[in-house]
N, C-alpha and C. Protein backbone atom coordinates (compact mmCIF):
# COMPACT_ATOMS: atom_id res chain seq x y z
N MET A 1 7.32 7.86 -8.77
CA MET A 1 7.55 6.53 -8.18
C MET A 1 8.28 5.58 -8.74
N ASN A 2 9.32 4.75 -8.29
CA ASN A 2 10.20 4.07 -9.10
C ASN A 2 9.46 2.75 -8.84
N LEU A 3 9.11 1.81 -9.76
CA LEU A 3 8.75 0.58 -9.84
C LEU A 3 9.74 -0.38 -10.54
N THR A 4 9.92 -1.49 -9.84
CA THR A 4 10.77 -2.46 -10.23
C THR A 4 10.04 -3.99 -10.03
N VAL A 5 9.97 -4.49 -11.40
CA VAL A 5 9.45 -5.71 -11.36
C VAL A 5 10.28 -6.87 -11.68
N THR A 6 10.76 -7.79 -10.70
CA THR A 6 11.77 -8.78 -11.16
C THR A 6 11.02 -10.27 -11.14
N GLY A 7 11.62 -10.94 -11.61
CA GLY A 7 11.17 -12.77 -11.66
C GLY A 7 12.28 -13.46 -11.01
N HIS A 8 11.94 -14.75 -10.47
CA HIS A 8 12.54 -15.63 -9.93
C HIS A 8 11.95 -16.82 -10.39
N HIS A 9 12.87 -17.42 -11.33
CA HIS A 9 12.27 -18.98 -12.15
C HIS A 9 11.44 -18.51 -12.65
N VAL A 10 11.07 -17.05 -13.45
CA VAL A 10 9.87 -16.69 -14.26
C VAL A 10 10.37 -15.57 -15.10
N ASP A 11 10.06 -15.53 -16.56
CA ASP A 11 10.16 -14.61 -17.17
C ASP A 11 9.19 -13.45 -17.20
N VAL A 12 9.52 -12.42 -16.53
CA VAL A 12 8.54 -11.30 -16.71
C VAL A 12 8.35 -10.65 -17.82
N THR A 13 6.97 -11.17 -18.44
CA THR A 13 6.64 -10.50 -19.75
C THR A 13 5.96 -9.24 -19.53
N GLU A 14 5.88 -8.45 -20.68
CA GLU A 14 5.56 -6.92 -20.78
C GLU A 14 4.13 -6.93 -20.14
N SER A 15 3.61 -7.85 -20.41
CA SER A 15 1.92 -7.95 -19.92
C SER A 15 1.68 -8.08 -18.74
N MET A 16 2.66 -8.87 -17.89
CA MET A 16 2.68 -8.92 -16.60
C MET A 16 3.40 -7.45 -15.59
N ARG A 17 4.36 -6.74 -16.45
CA ARG A 17 4.67 -5.34 -15.97
C ARG A 17 3.72 -4.57 -15.85
N ASN A 18 2.71 -4.47 -17.16
CA ASN A 18 1.80 -3.39 -17.31
C ASN A 18 0.52 -3.97 -16.19
N TYR A 19 0.43 -5.04 -16.01
CA TYR A 19 -0.78 -5.71 -15.23
C TYR A 19 -0.29 -4.98 -13.99
N VAL A 20 0.86 -5.26 -13.23
CA VAL A 20 1.28 -4.60 -11.86
C VAL A 20 1.30 -3.26 -11.85
N ASP A 21 1.47 -2.52 -13.08
CA ASP A 21 1.70 -1.10 -13.01
C ASP A 21 0.07 -0.53 -13.11
N GLY A 22 -0.68 -1.07 -13.67
CA GLY A 22 -2.36 -0.61 -13.57
C GLY A 22 -2.74 -1.07 -12.35
N LYS A 23 -2.54 -2.01 -11.33
CA LYS A 23 -2.89 -2.38 -10.28
C LYS A 23 -2.37 -1.24 -9.40
N LEU A 24 -1.10 -0.92 -9.70
CA LEU A 24 -0.20 0.20 -8.54
C LEU A 24 -1.26 1.42 -8.74
N LYS A 25 -1.76 1.73 -9.80
CA LYS A 25 -2.66 3.08 -9.79
C LYS A 25 -3.84 3.22 -8.96
N ARG A 26 -4.10 1.81 -8.45
CA ARG A 26 -5.22 1.88 -7.55
C ARG A 26 -4.73 2.09 -5.89
N LEU A 27 -3.51 1.88 -5.76
CA LEU A 27 -2.81 2.40 -4.65
C LEU A 27 -2.31 4.04 -4.43
N LYS A 28 -2.20 4.32 -5.83
CA LYS A 28 -1.77 5.86 -5.70
C LYS A 28 -2.96 6.61 -5.11
N ARG A 29 -4.15 6.34 -5.16
CA ARG A 29 -5.36 7.37 -4.66
C ARG A 29 -5.27 7.18 -3.04
N HIS A 30 -4.63 6.25 -2.62
CA HIS A 30 -4.39 6.28 -0.92
C HIS A 30 -3.13 7.11 -0.68
N SER A 31 -2.30 7.06 -1.53
CA SER A 31 -1.30 7.92 -0.84
C SER A 31 -0.31 8.35 -1.96
N GLN A 32 -0.14 9.72 -2.11
CA GLN A 32 0.97 10.34 -3.18
C GLN A 32 2.17 10.08 -2.69
N ASN A 33 2.71 9.40 -1.66
CA ASN A 33 3.90 9.52 -1.24
C ASN A 33 4.58 7.92 -1.46
N LEU A 34 4.05 7.47 -2.28
CA LEU A 34 4.86 6.10 -2.75
C LEU A 34 6.03 6.17 -3.46
N PHE A 35 7.56 6.22 -2.85
CA PHE A 35 8.41 6.40 -3.27
C PHE A 35 9.28 5.41 -4.22
N ASP A 36 9.26 4.11 -3.62
CA ASP A 36 10.00 3.14 -4.40
C ASP A 36 8.92 1.59 -4.08
N VAL A 37 8.75 0.97 -5.16
CA VAL A 37 7.79 -0.24 -5.22
C VAL A 37 8.92 -1.49 -5.66
N HIS A 38 9.03 -2.50 -5.15
CA HIS A 38 9.79 -3.44 -5.95
C HIS A 38 8.78 -4.92 -5.71
N VAL A 39 8.53 -5.16 -6.72
CA VAL A 39 7.67 -6.42 -6.83
C VAL A 39 8.48 -7.54 -7.46
N ILE A 40 8.28 -8.91 -6.89
CA ILE A 40 9.12 -9.90 -7.16
C ILE A 40 8.13 -11.28 -7.51
N LEU A 41 8.13 -11.60 -8.46
CA LEU A 41 7.30 -12.65 -9.08
C LEU A 41 7.98 -13.82 -9.28
N SER A 42 7.58 -15.07 -8.26
CA SER A 42 8.33 -16.41 -8.56
C SER A 42 7.36 -17.30 -8.71
N VAL A 43 7.79 -18.37 -9.21
CA VAL A 43 7.29 -19.73 -9.46
C VAL A 43 7.94 -21.16 -8.55
N GLU A 44 7.23 -21.72 -7.76
CA GLU A 44 7.66 -22.56 -7.40
C GLU A 44 6.94 -24.13 -7.58
N LYS A 45 7.15 -24.71 -8.40
CA LYS A 45 6.36 -26.07 -9.19
C LYS A 45 4.81 -25.57 -9.46
N GLN A 46 3.96 -25.71 -8.73
CA GLN A 46 2.52 -25.46 -9.11
C GLN A 46 2.11 -23.88 -8.45
N ARG A 47 3.03 -23.47 -7.50
CA ARG A 47 2.80 -22.08 -6.75
C ARG A 47 3.28 -21.11 -7.43
N GLN A 48 2.42 -19.86 -7.83
CA GLN A 48 2.79 -18.98 -8.13
C GLN A 48 2.97 -17.80 -7.13
N LYS A 49 3.99 -17.11 -6.95
CA LYS A 49 4.00 -16.16 -5.62
C LYS A 49 4.39 -14.70 -6.18
N ALA A 50 3.65 -13.97 -5.48
CA ALA A 50 3.90 -12.18 -5.99
C ALA A 50 4.02 -11.73 -4.64
N GLU A 51 5.08 -11.10 -4.22
CA GLU A 51 5.46 -10.48 -3.40
C GLU A 51 6.02 -8.77 -3.47
N ALA A 52 5.81 -8.02 -2.62
CA ALA A 52 5.94 -6.59 -3.06
C ALA A 52 6.39 -5.59 -1.49
N THR A 53 7.30 -4.67 -1.76
CA THR A 53 7.56 -4.14 -0.85
C THR A 53 7.59 -2.43 -1.40
N ILE A 54 6.73 -1.67 -0.72
CA ILE A 54 6.79 -0.43 -1.03
C ILE A 54 7.36 0.50 0.08
N GLN A 55 8.01 1.61 -0.46
CA GLN A 55 8.71 2.59 0.45
C GLN A 55 7.79 3.67 0.58
N VAL A 56 7.28 3.98 1.57
CA VAL A 56 6.13 5.25 1.83
C VAL A 56 6.98 6.09 2.77
N THR A 57 6.45 7.31 3.01
CA THR A 57 6.91 8.17 4.05
C THR A 57 7.17 7.47 5.36
N GLY A 58 8.34 7.35 5.88
CA GLY A 58 8.71 6.82 7.19
C GLY A 58 8.29 5.47 7.30
N ASN A 59 8.15 4.68 6.41
CA ASN A 59 7.73 3.30 6.73
C ASN A 59 7.83 2.35 5.38
N LYS A 60 8.09 1.12 5.61
CA LYS A 60 8.08 -0.10 4.73
C LYS A 60 6.72 -0.86 4.77
N ILE A 61 6.33 -1.11 3.68
CA ILE A 61 5.24 -2.17 3.70
C ILE A 61 5.41 -3.29 2.66
N TYR A 62 5.20 -4.58 3.30
CA TYR A 62 5.53 -5.59 2.65
C TYR A 62 4.18 -6.52 2.67
N ALA A 63 3.84 -7.16 1.50
CA ALA A 63 3.14 -8.09 1.27
C ALA A 63 3.32 -9.31 0.50
N ASP A 64 2.98 -10.64 0.64
CA ASP A 64 3.19 -11.50 -0.40
C ASP A 64 1.91 -12.50 -0.29
N THR A 65 1.67 -13.08 -1.55
CA THR A 65 0.72 -14.06 -1.76
C THR A 65 1.06 -15.13 -2.44
N THR A 66 0.22 -16.47 -2.59
CA THR A 66 0.73 -17.27 -3.46
C THR A 66 -0.75 -17.76 -3.89
N ASP A 67 -0.75 -18.50 -5.24
CA ASP A 67 -1.83 -18.90 -5.70
C ASP A 67 -1.41 -19.73 -7.05
N SER A 68 -2.55 -20.32 -7.54
CA SER A 68 -2.07 -21.38 -8.72
C SER A 68 -2.10 -20.48 -10.03
N ASP A 69 -2.35 -19.08 -9.87
CA ASP A 69 -2.64 -18.59 -11.11
C ASP A 69 -1.79 -16.82 -10.76
N MET A 70 -0.95 -16.78 -11.81
CA MET A 70 -0.08 -15.59 -11.26
C MET A 70 -0.69 -14.12 -11.22
N TYR A 71 -1.54 -14.06 -11.92
CA TYR A 71 -2.58 -12.78 -11.95
C TYR A 71 -3.48 -12.81 -10.80
N ALA A 72 -3.80 -13.81 -10.29
CA ALA A 72 -4.69 -13.83 -9.31
C ALA A 72 -3.77 -13.87 -8.05
N ALA A 73 -2.66 -14.12 -8.08
CA ALA A 73 -1.51 -13.90 -6.76
C ALA A 73 -1.34 -12.48 -6.78
N ILE A 74 -1.38 -11.64 -8.29
CA ILE A 74 -0.87 -10.37 -8.22
C ILE A 74 -2.06 -9.55 -7.43
N ASP A 75 -3.33 -10.22 -7.63
CA ASP A 75 -4.61 -9.34 -7.19
C ASP A 75 -4.78 -9.23 -5.78
N LEU A 76 -4.37 -10.62 -5.28
CA LEU A 76 -4.59 -10.94 -3.90
C LEU A 76 -3.44 -10.07 -3.05
N MET A 77 -2.27 -9.87 -3.57
CA MET A 77 -1.25 -9.02 -3.09
C MET A 77 -1.39 -7.57 -3.11
N MET A 78 -2.10 -6.91 -4.25
CA MET A 78 -2.43 -5.78 -4.29
C MET A 78 -3.82 -5.44 -3.42
N ASP A 79 -4.65 -5.97 -3.04
CA ASP A 79 -5.51 -5.93 -2.11
C ASP A 79 -4.80 -5.96 -0.78
N LYS A 80 -3.78 -6.91 -0.29
CA LYS A 80 -3.38 -6.77 0.93
C LYS A 80 -2.43 -5.21 1.12
N LEU A 81 -1.87 -4.85 0.22
CA LEU A 81 -1.21 -3.69 0.07
C LEU A 81 -2.33 -2.34 0.26
N ASP A 82 -3.52 -2.62 -0.42
CA ASP A 82 -4.18 -1.63 -0.30
C ASP A 82 -4.57 -1.53 0.93
N ARG A 83 -5.17 -2.24 1.56
CA ARG A 83 -5.43 -2.42 3.29
C ARG A 83 -4.54 -2.05 3.74
N GLN A 84 -3.08 -2.21 3.68
CA GLN A 84 -2.19 -1.73 4.93
C GLN A 84 -1.83 -0.31 4.38
N LEU A 85 -2.05 0.30 3.24
CA LEU A 85 -2.15 1.56 2.94
C LEU A 85 -2.89 2.39 3.66
N VAL A 86 -4.36 1.95 3.70
CA VAL A 86 -5.06 2.68 4.42
C VAL A 86 -5.06 2.91 5.82
N LYS A 87 -4.49 1.51 6.16
CA LYS A 87 -4.21 1.28 7.75
C LYS A 87 -3.20 2.66 8.14
N HIS A 88 -2.23 2.43 7.24
CA HIS A 88 -0.95 3.55 7.50
C HIS A 88 -1.44 4.82 7.39
N LYS A 89 -2.44 5.11 6.42
CA LYS A 89 -2.70 6.49 6.06
C LYS A 89 -3.57 7.16 7.43
N GLU A 90 -4.38 6.25 8.06
CA GLU A 90 -4.98 6.40 9.21
C GLU A 90 -4.13 6.55 10.14
N LYS A 91 -2.97 5.99 10.57
CA LYS A 91 -2.07 6.13 11.66
C LYS A 91 -1.57 7.53 11.35
N THR A 92 -1.05 7.86 10.46
CA THR A 92 -0.08 8.96 10.17
C THR A 92 -1.16 10.36 10.04
N LYS A 93 -2.27 10.19 9.87
CA LYS A 93 -3.33 11.34 9.63
C LYS A 93 -3.40 11.99 11.06
N ASP A 94 -3.54 13.31 11.01
CA ASP A 94 -3.73 14.13 12.25
C ASP A 94 -5.19 14.16 12.46
N HIS A 95 -5.64 13.43 13.64
CA HIS A 95 -7.28 13.52 13.54
C HIS A 95 -7.66 14.62 14.49
N HIS A 96 -6.84 15.59 14.93
CA HIS A 96 -7.41 16.82 15.65
C HIS A 96 -7.61 17.68 14.28
N LYS A 97 -8.74 18.23 14.82
CA LYS A 97 -9.18 19.48 13.92
C LYS A 97 -8.63 20.74 13.81
N GLY A 98 -7.54 20.89 14.85
CA GLY A 98 -6.94 22.32 14.73
C GLY A 98 -7.53 23.35 15.56
N ASP A 99 -8.85 23.06 15.79
CA ASP A 99 -9.63 23.91 16.55
C ASP A 99 -9.20 23.85 18.10
N LYS A 100 -8.99 24.97 18.76
CA LYS A 100 -8.97 25.12 20.21
C LYS A 100 -9.91 24.62 20.74
N ALA A 101 -10.03 24.11 21.90
CA ALA A 101 -11.05 23.81 22.99
C ALA A 101 -11.81 24.86 23.47
N PRO A 102 -13.11 24.79 23.34
CA PRO A 102 -13.87 26.04 23.38
C PRO A 102 -13.72 26.66 24.82
N PRO A 103 -13.70 28.20 25.14
CA PRO A 103 -13.52 28.83 26.27
C PRO A 103 -14.45 28.36 27.34
N ILE A 104 -13.85 28.24 28.47
CA ILE A 104 -14.72 27.76 29.77
C ILE A 104 -15.30 29.17 30.16
N PRO A 105 -16.68 28.93 30.13
CA PRO A 105 -17.37 30.15 30.85
C PRO A 105 -16.98 30.63 31.96
N GLU A 106 -16.73 31.71 32.11
CA GLU A 106 -16.58 32.30 33.52
C GLU A 106 -17.74 32.45 34.29
N HIS A 107 -17.76 31.95 35.65
CA HIS A 107 -18.92 32.27 36.39
C HIS A 107 -18.98 33.76 36.85
N GLU A 108 -20.29 34.14 36.82
CA GLU A 108 -20.36 35.49 37.14
C GLU A 108 -20.63 35.46 38.94
N PRO A 109 -20.06 36.39 39.34
CA PRO A 109 -20.36 36.45 40.82
C PRO A 109 -21.78 37.01 41.47
N GLU A 110 -22.24 35.58 42.50
CA GLU A 110 -23.65 36.06 42.64
C GLU A 110 -24.00 37.11 43.29
N LEU A 111 -25.30 37.48 43.33
CA LEU A 111 -25.48 39.00 44.08
C LEU A 111 -26.19 38.58 45.34
């Protein structure tokens, strides 16, 4: 998994990077096919914004949130990504058991 954390009008500290990486471990339990994760942390006056794009098998998942605290914004963003990954996993999961339909009993001729 390739993780990229960038900042827009904010310096991304090592603790922020480690916090994002720790939260991504929760997402890995839903899908082992997380290829590329790009997180953008930005500040606009009093609003702290966190947004992320995740490349999974056959799809891109995007989420963004704003909050007054950067770490709270990261938490909310990860919650959104978690829900979207579960939904994506259910869509791609084969719900068929692989069993064939039970054979239709043949009618015996009546005597």
